[in-house]
C-alpha cells in the first residue's frame, strides 16, 4: 500500500543508521539528504520532484545510509518495505543486480563526498549550507 501525504519544512523522514522501513517518492518539494562525517553534518544531495530516497537501504535490506530532512513543504508517496520486497521478488534477477550495483556506486560516491566535505552548488543550489543550518539539522537528528 502506498500512502500519499504532505509534510512541512524541517521534518525528519529518517535518520542515518536506522533500520529501513520505507522508501519515499518526492512528488513535490525538496528533501535534504545528509551524512554524518566525524563531528560534521554534510549535505550529499537534494531530492526534488519525482526523486526517490531510501532506495539503497531498501534494496540492501539494511539501514539508512544518510538522514533525510524536508527542506520545504513536500508531498510524498511512502512505500513500505513489504511492498518493495514483493516487487523485487517479482522482478528479473538481472534487474535486481543492476539496481544493487548502481546503488553501491552511489553509496561509495556519497561516502567520498561526506568524508571530504565536498559541497557542490548542485547539492546546495543557490544557498549555502550554513553553520546555523547544520546546528538546526543536528538538533532534528538528536
Protein backbone atom coordinates (compact mmCIF):
# COMPACT_ATOMS: atom_id res chain seq x y z
CA UNK A 1 0.00 0.00 0.00
CA UNK A 2 1.24 3.45 -0.90
CA UNK A 3 0.43 6.35 1.38
CA UNK A 4 0.48 9.85 -0.05
CA UNK A 5 0.84 12.70 2.39
CA UNK A 6 2.29 16.15 2.93
CA UNK A 7 4.85 17.43 5.41
CA UNK A 8 6.05 20.88 6.34
CA UNK A 9 9.55 22.30 6.34
CA UNK A 10 12.32 20.85 8.57
CA UNK A 11 10.71 17.48 9.33
CA UNK A 12 12.81 14.35 9.78
CA UNK A 13 11.86 11.50 7.42
CA UNK A 14 14.54 9.07 8.53
CA UNK A 15 17.86 9.05 10.30
CA UNK A 16 21.20 7.61 9.21
CA UNK A 17 21.73 4.21 10.84
CA UNK A 18 18.03 3.45 11.46
CA UNK A 19 16.65 0.18 10.08
CA UNK A 20 14.96 0.70 6.73
CA UNK A 21 11.18 0.79 6.87
CA UNK A 22 10.08 2.90 3.92
CA UNK A 23 11.11 4.29 0.59
CA UNK A 24 9.88 7.74 -0.43
CA UNK A 25 8.92 9.22 -3.78
CA UNK A 26 9.06 13.02 -3.64
CA UNK A 27 6.09 14.29 -5.64
CA UNK A 28 6.87 17.95 -4.94
CA UNK A 29 9.14 19.95 -2.70
CA UNK A 30 12.68 19.32 -1.55
CA UNK A 31 14.35 16.94 0.90
CA UNK A 32 17.93 17.46 2.01
CA UNK A 33 19.92 14.24 2.47
CA UNK A 34 22.80 14.47 4.95
CA UNK A 35 25.60 12.21 6.17
CA UNK A 36 27.41 12.37 9.46
CA UNK A 37 31.18 12.74 8.88
CA UNK A 38 33.11 12.80 12.15
CA UNK A 39 31.60 15.75 14.03
CA UNK A 40 30.15 17.42 10.93
CA UNK A 41 26.90 17.04 9.06
CA UNK A 42 27.40 17.09 5.28
CA UNK A 43 24.72 17.51 2.61
CA UNK A 44 25.20 14.78 -0.03
CA UNK A 45 22.23 15.57 -2.26
CA UNK A 46 18.88 17.28 -2.54
CA UNK A 47 15.92 15.18 -3.56
CA UNK A 48 13.32 17.10 -5.55
CA UNK A 49 10.20 16.45 -7.60
CA UNK A 50 9.99 12.81 -8.71
CA UNK A 51 13.22 11.77 -6.93
CA UNK A 52 13.31 8.65 -4.77
CA UNK A 53 15.05 8.39 -1.39
CA UNK A 54 15.75 5.43 0.85
CA UNK A 55 16.12 3.05 -2.09
CA UNK A 56 19.66 1.95 -1.29
CA UNK A 57 18.75 0.75 2.19
CA UNK A 58 15.57 -0.83 0.83
CA UNK A 59 17.42 -2.90 -1.78
CA UNK A 60 20.22 -3.85 0.60
CA UNK A 61 17.69 -4.62 3.35
CA UNK A 62 19.83 -2.75 5.84
CA UNK A 63 19.90 0.67 7.49
CA UNK A 64 19.55 4.13 6.03
CA UNK A 65 22.99 5.38 4.94
CA UNK A 66 22.03 9.05 5.30
CA UNK A 67 19.43 11.18 7.05
CA UNK A 68 16.60 12.89 5.19
CA UNK A 69 15.01 16.16 6.32
CA UNK A 70 12.39 18.15 4.45
CA UNK A 71 13.79 21.43 3.21
CA UNK A 72 10.43 22.84 2.14
CA UNK A 73 6.78 21.83 2.18
CA UNK A 74 6.77 18.40 0.47
CA UNK A 75 4.27 15.96 -0.95
CA UNK A 76 5.43 12.34 -0.61
CA UNK A 77 4.43 8.84 -1.54
CA UNK A 78 5.56 6.36 1.08
CA UNK A 79 6.31 2.77 0.01
CA UNK A 80 6.72 0.31 2.91
CA UNK A 81 9.46 -2.33 2.89
CA UNK A 82 7.00 -5.20 2.45
CA UNK A 83 5.58 -3.75 -0.78
CA UNK A 84 9.04 -3.10 -2.20
CA UNK A 85 10.27 -6.58 -1.25
CA UNK A 86 7.38 -8.14 -3.15
CA UNK A 87 8.15 -6.06 -6.24
CA UNK A 88 11.79 -7.22 -6.11
CA UNK A 89 10.72 -10.87 -5.83
CA UNK A 90 8.65 -10.45 -8.97
CA UNK A 91 11.47 -8.72 -10.93
CA UNK A 92 14.05 -10.43 -13.14
CA UNK A 93 17.28 -11.19 -11.25
CA UNK A 94 19.38 -9.11 -13.65
CA UNK A 95 17.30 -6.01 -12.87
CA UNK A 96 17.73 -6.50 -9.13
CA UNK A 97 21.51 -6.99 -9.58
CA UNK A 98 21.81 -3.94 -11.83
CA UNK A 99 19.92 -1.79 -9.35
CA UNK A 100 22.07 -3.03 -6.46
CA UNK A 101 25.26 -2.21 -8.40
CA UNK A 102 24.05 1.31 -9.18
CA UNK A 103 23.15 1.89 -5.56
CA UNK A 104 26.52 0.57 -4.38
CA UNK A 105 28.27 3.05 -6.69
CA UNK A 106 26.09 5.90 -5.47
CA UNK A 107 26.81 4.97 -1.85
CA UNK A 108 30.54 4.95 -2.50
CA UNK A 109 30.28 8.42 -4.04
CA UNK A 110 28.15 9.74 -1.17
CA UNK A 111 30.72 8.43 1.34
CA UNK A 112 33.53 10.19 -0.52
CA UNK A 113 31.55 13.43 -0.55
CA UNK A 114 30.91 13.22 3.18
CA UNK A 115 34.45 12.16 4.14
CA UNK A 116 35.98 15.01 2.15
CA UNK A 117 33.22 17.51 2.96
CA UNK A 118 32.76 18.32 -0.70
CA UNK A 119 29.87 20.69 -1.22
CA UNK A 120 28.95 21.49 -4.80
CA UNK A 121 26.43 24.05 -5.97
CA UNK A 122 24.37 21.21 -7.47
CA UNK A 123 23.90 19.89 -3.95
CA UNK A 124 23.28 23.14 -2.14
CA UNK A 125 21.68 25.03 -5.08
CA UNK A 126 21.56 28.80 -4.64
CA UNK A 127 22.01 28.77 -0.91
CA UNK A 128 24.98 27.81 1.20
CA UNK A 129 24.78 25.13 3.83
CA UNK A 130 25.46 27.40 6.77
CA UNK A 131 26.70 26.57 10.25
CA UNK A 132 23.28 27.65 11.55
CA UNK A 133 21.53 25.15 9.27
CA UNK A 134 23.93 22.43 10.34
CA UNK A 135 23.14 23.14 14.01
CA UNK A 136 19.39 23.19 13.28
CA UNK A 137 19.55 19.87 11.42
CA UNK A 138 21.72 18.27 14.14
CA UNK A 139 19.00 19.16 16.66
CA UNK A 140 16.40 17.43 14.48
CA UNK A 141 18.58 14.34 14.37
CA UNK A 142 19.13 14.09 18.13
